[in-house]
Amino acid sequence: MILIEQLNNTFRSCCEKNCLEETDLEIFEIMDDDKPQNSPCKLVSKGQFKVENPCKHVLYFLKIDHCILSNKDSAKCDFAIFNADELIFVELKEIKNNTSQKKTEKNIKDKIQRASKQLKETLKTFKKKNIDLSHYKKLFVIISILDHNKISVLEPDIQTQAVFFEKKYKATLLFEDTHTFEK
């Protein structure tokens, strides 16, 4: 697969740190609990982001933050998952329980802004390192917010960000905590 070769040739840590895992599980989840500190996301049975793979295709889980890209690199998203046709970049955010709804809404808006920046910077880094994503039929950037308060707030400029990702990278911006790979 083209992307795997490019990743291995571009990021030495991809093999050295086991930053790329293969799975054909029908359902799995990803967790970013950052324990121990500065550790990458991991596949778990109960996590923050769920992947459904009903056809049990081979999927590749790429740990980006604290694995192929380190703290010295610019902002970056948490991970990517891909097969031959589809690639998703995901940034996980969590909203802690707050007492004030107004404070929670501001927190969500801030998290969305930061997540969008991290996704943009990851795509920019890949492009700068000549990682070619143009052959993917489906390219998604996903902001996944685990909100313990269950308040759904999206910024007015979300549409602007969605247009940016579409025009600049031909990527669709989604807000979801579950993604299904189909074919």
Protein backbone atom coordinates (compact mmCIF):
# COMPACT_ATOMS: atom_id res chain seq x y z
CA MET A 1 0.00 0.00 0.00
CA ILE A 2 1.35 3.40 -1.04
CA LEU A 3 0.69 5.23 2.24
CA ILE A 4 2.40 2.58 4.37
CA GLU A 5 5.55 2.81 2.24
CA GLN A 6 5.52 6.61 2.43
CA LEU A 7 5.05 6.55 6.21
CA ASN A 8 7.86 4.06 6.75
CA ASN A 9 10.20 6.02 4.46
CA THR A 10 9.35 9.42 5.95
CA PHE A 11 8.92 8.72 9.66
CA ARG A 12 11.63 6.52 11.19
CA SER A 13 9.58 6.28 14.38
CA CYS A 14 6.76 4.55 12.47
CA CYS A 15 8.49 1.17 12.76
CA GLU A 16 10.74 1.91 15.74
CA LYS A 17 7.89 2.90 18.07
CA ASN A 18 5.23 0.60 16.62
CA CYS A 19 3.21 3.62 15.44
CA LEU A 20 1.32 1.61 12.83
CA GLU A 21 -0.95 -1.30 13.80
CA GLU A 22 -3.06 -3.56 11.63
CA THR A 23 -6.50 -4.86 12.63
CA ASP A 24 -9.45 -6.59 11.02
CA LEU A 25 -11.73 -6.41 14.05
CA GLU A 26 -15.39 -5.75 13.32
CA ILE A 27 -15.61 -3.19 16.15
CA PHE A 28 -12.86 -1.52 18.17
CA GLU A 29 -12.32 1.68 20.09
CA ILE A 30 -9.47 4.13 20.58
CA MET A 31 -8.49 5.85 23.81
CA ASP A 32 -6.22 8.83 24.44
CA ASP A 33 -5.83 8.89 28.20
CA ASP A 34 -2.25 10.25 28.07
CA LYS A 35 -1.14 7.90 30.87
CA PRO A 36 1.72 7.50 31.13
CA GLN A 37 2.26 11.12 30.16
CA ASN A 38 2.99 11.79 26.49
CA SER A 39 1.88 8.35 25.35
CA PRO A 40 0.08 7.80 22.04
CA CYS A 41 -3.51 6.65 21.55
CA LYS A 42 -4.20 2.95 21.83
CA LEU A 43 -6.73 0.37 20.70
CA VAL A 44 -9.00 -0.66 23.55
CA SER A 45 -12.33 -2.40 24.10
CA LYS A 46 -13.95 0.72 25.67
CA GLY A 47 -12.65 4.13 24.61
CA GLN A 48 -13.44 7.60 23.31
CA PHE A 49 -13.82 6.82 19.61
CA LYS A 50 -15.49 3.77 18.06
CA VAL A 51 -14.65 2.22 14.70
CA GLU A 52 -17.07 -0.13 12.99
CA ASN A 53 -15.67 -2.40 10.30
CA PRO A 54 -18.64 -4.61 9.31
CA CYS A 55 -16.83 -6.21 6.36
CA LYS A 56 -13.78 -6.96 8.53
CA HIS A 57 -11.38 -5.33 6.08
CA VAL A 58 -7.79 -4.89 7.14
CA LEU A 59 -7.52 -1.40 8.64
CA TYR A 60 -4.37 0.42 9.68
CA PHE A 61 -4.25 2.43 12.91
CA LEU A 62 -1.60 5.18 12.79
CA LYS A 63 -0.64 6.79 16.08
CA ILE A 64 0.31 10.36 15.22
CA ASP A 65 0.58 12.43 18.43
CA HIS A 66 3.48 11.20 20.62
CA CYS A 67 4.47 8.60 18.03
CA ILE A 68 5.27 9.58 14.43
CA LEU A 69 5.15 13.25 15.50
CA SER A 70 6.60 14.37 18.82
CA ASN A 71 6.10 17.33 21.13
CA LYS A 72 8.73 19.34 19.24
CA ASP A 73 6.60 19.18 16.09
CA SER A 74 3.76 21.66 15.54
CA ALA A 75 0.20 20.89 16.63
CA LYS A 76 -1.00 17.50 15.42
CA CYS A 77 -4.06 15.27 15.61
CA ASP A 78 -4.19 12.10 17.69
CA PHE A 79 -4.41 9.34 15.07
CA ALA A 80 -5.47 8.18 11.63
CA ILE A 81 -7.16 5.01 10.42
CA PHE A 82 -7.09 3.88 6.82
CA ASN A 83 -7.46 1.16 4.23
CA ALA A 84 -6.86 1.32 0.48
CA ASP A 85 -9.89 3.55 -0.23
CA GLU A 86 -10.59 5.58 2.91
CA LEU A 87 -8.49 7.63 5.33
CA ILE A 88 -9.66 9.40 8.47
CA PHE A 89 -7.65 11.76 10.68
CA VAL A 90 -9.11 12.14 14.18
CA GLU A 91 -8.60 14.60 17.00
CA LEU A 92 -10.14 13.61 20.33
CA LYS A 93 -11.25 16.19 22.85
CA GLU A 94 -12.94 15.79 26.21
CA ILE A 95 -15.18 18.24 28.04
CA LYS A 96 -15.06 17.76 31.80
CA ASN A 97 -18.13 18.23 33.97
CA ASN A 98 -18.68 21.91 34.70
CA THR A 99 -21.30 23.65 36.75
CA SER A 100 -21.92 26.52 34.35
CA GLN A 101 -23.50 25.87 30.96
CA LYS A 102 -22.00 29.12 29.64
CA LYS A 103 -18.51 28.02 30.70
CA THR A 104 -19.07 24.61 29.10
CA GLU A 105 -20.20 26.19 25.81
CA LYS A 106 -17.06 28.36 25.71
CA ASN A 107 -14.95 25.29 26.51
CA ILE A 108 -16.52 23.36 23.63
CA LYS A 109 -15.92 26.24 21.21
CA ASP A 110 -12.27 26.45 22.33
CA LYS A 111 -11.84 22.69 21.93
CA ILE A 112 -13.32 22.79 18.42
CA GLN A 113 -10.94 25.60 17.42
CA ARG A 114 -7.93 23.75 18.82
CA ALA A 115 -8.96 20.43 17.22
CA SER A 116 -9.42 22.11 13.84
CA LYS A 117 -5.95 23.66 14.12
CA GLN A 118 -4.42 20.30 15.03
CA LEU A 119 -6.03 18.60 12.02
CA LYS A 120 -4.92 21.40 9.68
CA GLU A 121 -1.35 21.25 10.99
CA THR A 122 -1.23 17.45 10.61
CA LEU A 123 -2.36 17.65 6.98
CA LYS A 124 0.10 20.49 6.37
CA THR A 125 2.94 18.41 7.88
CA PHE A 126 2.04 15.39 5.73
CA LYS A 127 1.94 17.59 2.62
CA LYS A 128 5.29 19.22 3.52
CA LYS A 129 6.84 15.76 3.91
CA ASN A 130 5.45 14.72 0.50
CA ILE A 131 2.96 12.20 1.86
CA ASP A 132 0.49 11.85 -1.02
CA LEU A 133 -3.14 11.46 0.05
CA SER A 134 -4.68 12.23 -3.35
CA HIS A 135 -5.43 8.60 -4.24
CA TYR A 136 -7.99 8.18 -1.43
CA LYS A 137 -11.59 8.00 -2.60
CA LYS A 138 -12.72 9.18 0.84
CA LEU A 139 -10.68 11.50 3.07
CA PHE A 140 -12.18 12.66 6.36
CA VAL A 141 -11.00 14.87 9.19
CA ILE A 142 -12.95 14.18 12.36
CA ILE A 143 -13.35 16.20 15.52
CA SER A 144 -14.62 13.90 18.24
CA ILE A 145 -15.73 15.57 21.46
CA LEU A 146 -16.51 13.44 24.48
CA ASP A 147 -18.88 15.77 26.32
CA HIS A 148 -19.83 14.68 29.82
CA ASN A 149 -22.32 17.58 29.97
CA LYS A 150 -24.22 16.48 26.83
CA ILE A 151 -24.39 20.01 25.47
CA SER A 152 -24.15 20.23 21.71
CA VAL A 153 -22.67 23.53 20.56
CA LEU A 154 -21.08 24.18 17.20
CA GLU A 155 -19.47 27.44 16.21
CA PRO A 156 -20.98 29.61 13.51
CA ASP A 157 -17.82 29.29 11.42
CA ILE A 158 -17.89 25.48 11.30
CA GLN A 159 -19.16 25.74 7.74
CA THR A 160 -16.15 27.93 6.89
CA GLN A 161 -13.81 25.33 8.35
CA ALA A 162 -15.57 22.56 6.43
CA VAL A 163 -15.12 24.53 3.19
CA PHE A 164 -11.43 25.10 4.03
CA PHE A 165 -10.76 21.36 4.49
CA GLU A 166 -12.68 20.55 1.29
CA LYS A 167 -10.91 23.13 -0.87
CA LYS A 168 -7.39 22.78 0.53
CA TYR A 169 -7.23 19.01 1.10
CA LYS A 170 -10.37 17.55 -0.54
CA ALA A 171 -11.29 16.30 2.95
CA THR A 172 -14.72 16.21 4.57
CA LEU A 173 -14.95 17.61 8.10
CA LEU A 174 -17.12 15.52 10.44
CA PHE A 175 -18.12 15.71 14.10
CA GLU A 176 -18.64 12.17 15.34
CA ASP A 177 -17.50 9.68 17.94
CA THR A 178 -18.14 6.62 15.74
CA HIS A 179 -16.98 6.01 12.19
CA THR A 180 -17.98 3.11 9.93
CA PHE A 181 -15.70 1.81 7.19
CA GLU A 182 -17.83 0.36 4.43
CA LYS A 183 -17.39 -1.17 1.01
